[in-house]
C-alpha atoms as a PDB file:
ATOM      1  CA  UNK A   1      26.591 206.503 159.676  1.00  0.00           C
ATOM      2  CA  UNK A   2      24.796 209.370 158.111  1.00  0.00           C
ATOM      3  CA  UNK A   3      27.017 211.988 155.842  1.00  0.00           C
ATOM      4  CA  UNK A   4      26.185 215.403 156.609  1.00  0.00           C
ATOM      5  CA  UNK A   5      26.500 217.757 153.355  1.00  0.00           C
ATOM      6  CA  UNK A   6      27.677 221.149 153.320  1.00  0.00           C
ATOM      7  CA  UNK A   7      23.800 222.155 153.327  1.00  0.00           C
ATOM      8  CA  UNK A   8      23.386 220.129 156.525  1.00  0.00           C
ATOM      9  CA  UNK A   9      25.852 222.338 158.443  1.00  0.00           C
ATOM     10  CA  UNK A  10      24.467 225.282 157.301  1.00  0.00           C
ATOM     11  CA  UNK A  11      21.079 224.504 158.740  1.00  0.00           C
ATOM     12  CA  UNK A  12      22.825 223.341 162.063  1.00  0.00           C
ATOM     13  CA  UNK A  13      24.293 226.596 162.150  1.00  0.00           C
ATOM     14  CA  UNK A  14      21.124 228.273 161.746  1.00  0.00           C
ATOM     15  CA  UNK A  15      19.111 226.381 164.041  1.00  0.00           C
ATOM     16  CA  UNK A  16      22.031 226.935 166.604  1.00  0.00           C
ATOM     17  CA  UNK A  17      22.714 230.364 166.128  1.00  0.00           C
ATOM     18  CA  UNK A  18      19.674 232.388 164.983  1.00  0.00           C
ATOM     19  CA  UNK A  19      21.746 233.686 162.018  1.00  0.00           C
ATOM     20  CA  UNK A  20      20.182 233.683 158.493  1.00  0.00           C
ATOM     21  CA  UNK A  21      20.918 230.837 156.485  1.00  0.00           C
ATOM     22  CA  UNK A  22      22.385 233.140 154.208  1.00  0.00           C
ATOM     23  CA  UNK A  23      24.793 234.390 157.061  1.00  0.00           C
ATOM     24  CA  UNK A  24      25.709 230.669 157.963  1.00  0.00           C
ATOM     25  CA  UNK A  25      26.292 229.713 154.480  1.00  0.00           C
ATOM     26  CA  UNK A  26      28.905 232.951 154.382  1.00  0.00           C
ATOM     27  CA  UNK A  27      30.308 231.764 157.657  1.00  0.00           C
ATOM     28  CA  UNK A  28      30.828 228.155 156.589  1.00  0.00           C
ATOM     29  CA  UNK A  29      32.172 229.627 153.000  1.00  0.00           C
ATOM     30  CA  UNK A  30      34.584 231.976 155.180  1.00  0.00           C
ATOM     31  CA  UNK A  31      35.700 229.145 157.635  1.00  0.00           C
ATOM     32  CA  UNK A  32      37.023 226.589 154.699  1.00  0.00           C
ATOM     33  CA  UNK A  33      38.595 229.505 152.901  1.00  0.00           C
ATOM     34  CA  UNK A  34      40.505 230.396 155.958  1.00  0.00           C
ATOM     35  CA  UNK A  35      41.614 226.791 156.599  1.00  0.00           C
ATOM     36  CA  UNK A  36      42.721 226.938 152.537  1.00  0.00           C
ATOM     37  CA  UNK A  37      44.440 230.041 152.696  1.00  0.00           C
ATOM     38  CA  UNK A  38      46.418 229.091 155.824  1.00  0.00           C
ATOM     39  CA  UNK A  39      47.364 226.040 154.540  1.00  0.00           C
ATOM     40  CA  UNK A  40      48.490 226.741 151.117  1.00  0.00           C
ATOM     41  CA  UNK A  41      50.992 229.408 152.903  1.00  0.00           C
ATOM     42  CA  UNK A  42      52.310 226.306 154.848  1.00  0.00           C
ATOM     43  CA  UNK A  43      50.503 227.591 158.340  1.00  0.00           C
ATOM     44  CA  UNK A  44      48.661 225.253 160.525  1.00  0.00           C
ATOM     45  CA  UNK A  45      45.339 226.158 162.085  1.00  0.00           C
ATOM     46  CA  UNK A  46      44.514 225.072 165.588  1.00  0.00           C
ATOM     47  CA  UNK A  47      41.105 225.088 167.103  1.00  0.00           C
ATOM     48  CA  UNK A  48      41.507 224.203 170.727  1.00  0.00           C
ATOM     49  CA  UNK A  49      39.594 221.154 171.669  1.00  0.00           C
ATOM     50  CA  UNK A  50      38.137 220.263 168.229  1.00  0.00           C
ATOM     51  CA  UNK A  51      41.982 219.824 166.634  1.00  0.00           C
ATOM     52  CA  UNK A  52      44.444 221.566 164.340  1.00  0.00           C
ATOM     53  CA  UNK A  53      44.254 221.276 160.465  1.00  0.00           C
ATOM     54  CA  UNK A  54      48.129 221.354 158.697  1.00  0.00           C
ATOM     55  CA  UNK A  55      50.116 221.020 155.498  1.00  0.00           C
ATOM     56  CA  UNK A  56      52.515 217.941 155.693  1.00  0.00           C
ATOM     57  CA  UNK A  57      55.166 216.926 153.140  1.00  0.00           C
ATOM     58  CA  UNK A  58      54.971 213.569 151.678  1.00  0.00           C
ATOM     59  CA  UNK A  59      58.186 212.530 150.410  1.00  0.00           C
ATOM     60  CA  UNK A  60      58.399 211.186 147.072  1.00  0.00           C
ATOM     61  CA  UNK A  61      58.431 207.102 147.083  1.00  0.00           C
ATOM     62  CA  UNK A  62      57.867 204.510 144.779  1.00  0.00           C
ATOM     63  CA  UNK A  63      54.882 202.712 144.188  1.00  0.00           C
ATOM     64  CA  UNK A  64      53.730 199.619 141.991  1.00  0.00           C
ATOM     65  CA  UNK A  65      50.713 199.634 139.494  1.00  0.00           C
ATOM     66  CA  UNK A  66      47.890 197.241 141.221  1.00  0.00           C
ATOM     67  CA  UNK A  67      47.208 195.697 137.467  1.00  0.00           C
ATOM     68  CA  UNK A  68      50.838 194.990 136.157  1.00  0.00           C
ATOM     69  CA  UNK A  69      52.668 194.991 139.309  1.00  0.00           C
ATOM     70  CA  UNK A  70      55.243 197.568 137.610  1.00  0.00           C
ATOM     71  CA  UNK A  71      56.862 200.260 139.766  1.00  0.00           C
ATOM     72  CA  UNK A  72      55.781 203.698 139.914  1.00  0.00           C
ATOM     73  CA  UNK A  73      57.304 206.397 141.010  1.00  0.00           C
ATOM     74  CA  UNK A  74      54.925 208.951 143.036  1.00  0.00           C
ATOM     75  CA  UNK A  75      56.114 212.349 143.283  1.00  0.00           C
ATOM     76  CA  UNK A  76      56.737 214.339 146.335  1.00  0.00           C
ATOM     77  CA  UNK A  77      53.334 216.566 147.045  1.00  0.00           C
ATOM     78  CA  UNK A  78      52.150 218.430 150.425  1.00  0.00           C
ATOM     79  CA  UNK A  79      48.579 216.961 151.630  1.00  0.00           C
ATOM     80  CA  UNK A  80      46.407 218.342 154.282  1.00  0.00           C
ATOM     81  CA  UNK A  81      46.183 216.563 157.553  1.00  0.00           C
ATOM     82  CA  UNK A  82      43.523 216.847 160.452  1.00  0.00           C
ATOM     83  CA  UNK A  83      44.384 215.901 164.106  1.00  0.00           C
ATOM     84  CA  UNK A  84      41.702 215.802 166.239  1.00  0.00           C
ATOM     85  CA  UNK A  85      41.793 217.687 169.871  1.00  0.00           C
ATOM     86  CA  UNK A  86      40.742 215.899 173.216  1.00  0.00           C
ATOM     87  CA  UNK A  87      36.943 217.402 173.044  1.00  0.00           C
ATOM     88  CA  UNK A  88      36.554 215.693 169.660  1.00  0.00           C
ATOM     89  CA  UNK A  89      38.175 212.545 170.751  1.00  0.00           C
ATOM     90  CA  UNK A  90      36.163 212.220 173.215  1.00  0.00           C
ATOM     91  CA  UNK A  91      32.704 213.007 171.748  1.00  0.00           C
ATOM     92  CA  UNK A  92      33.434 210.216 169.169  1.00  0.00           C
ATOM     93  CA  UNK A  93      34.929 207.943 171.635  1.00  0.00           C
END
């Protein structure tokens, strides 16, 4: 299984759209900045068929240090989550 990096995604966009590499790179940067900004404000971003990006609150909990077994307090925090849409699920299926 190969791992595509940002450059691979940019190259694929160039190939599929005919955009210049500079424009494709700017589009990928704008896409990720838009997702980050929306999640930072607590909004979700849905791309029909692809999936939904959301920010979920994870409550505080007690964990354990794996080396000593001592209990640790893990603070509450907000984490990004992605739910795949039907088209994406079917493509990976």
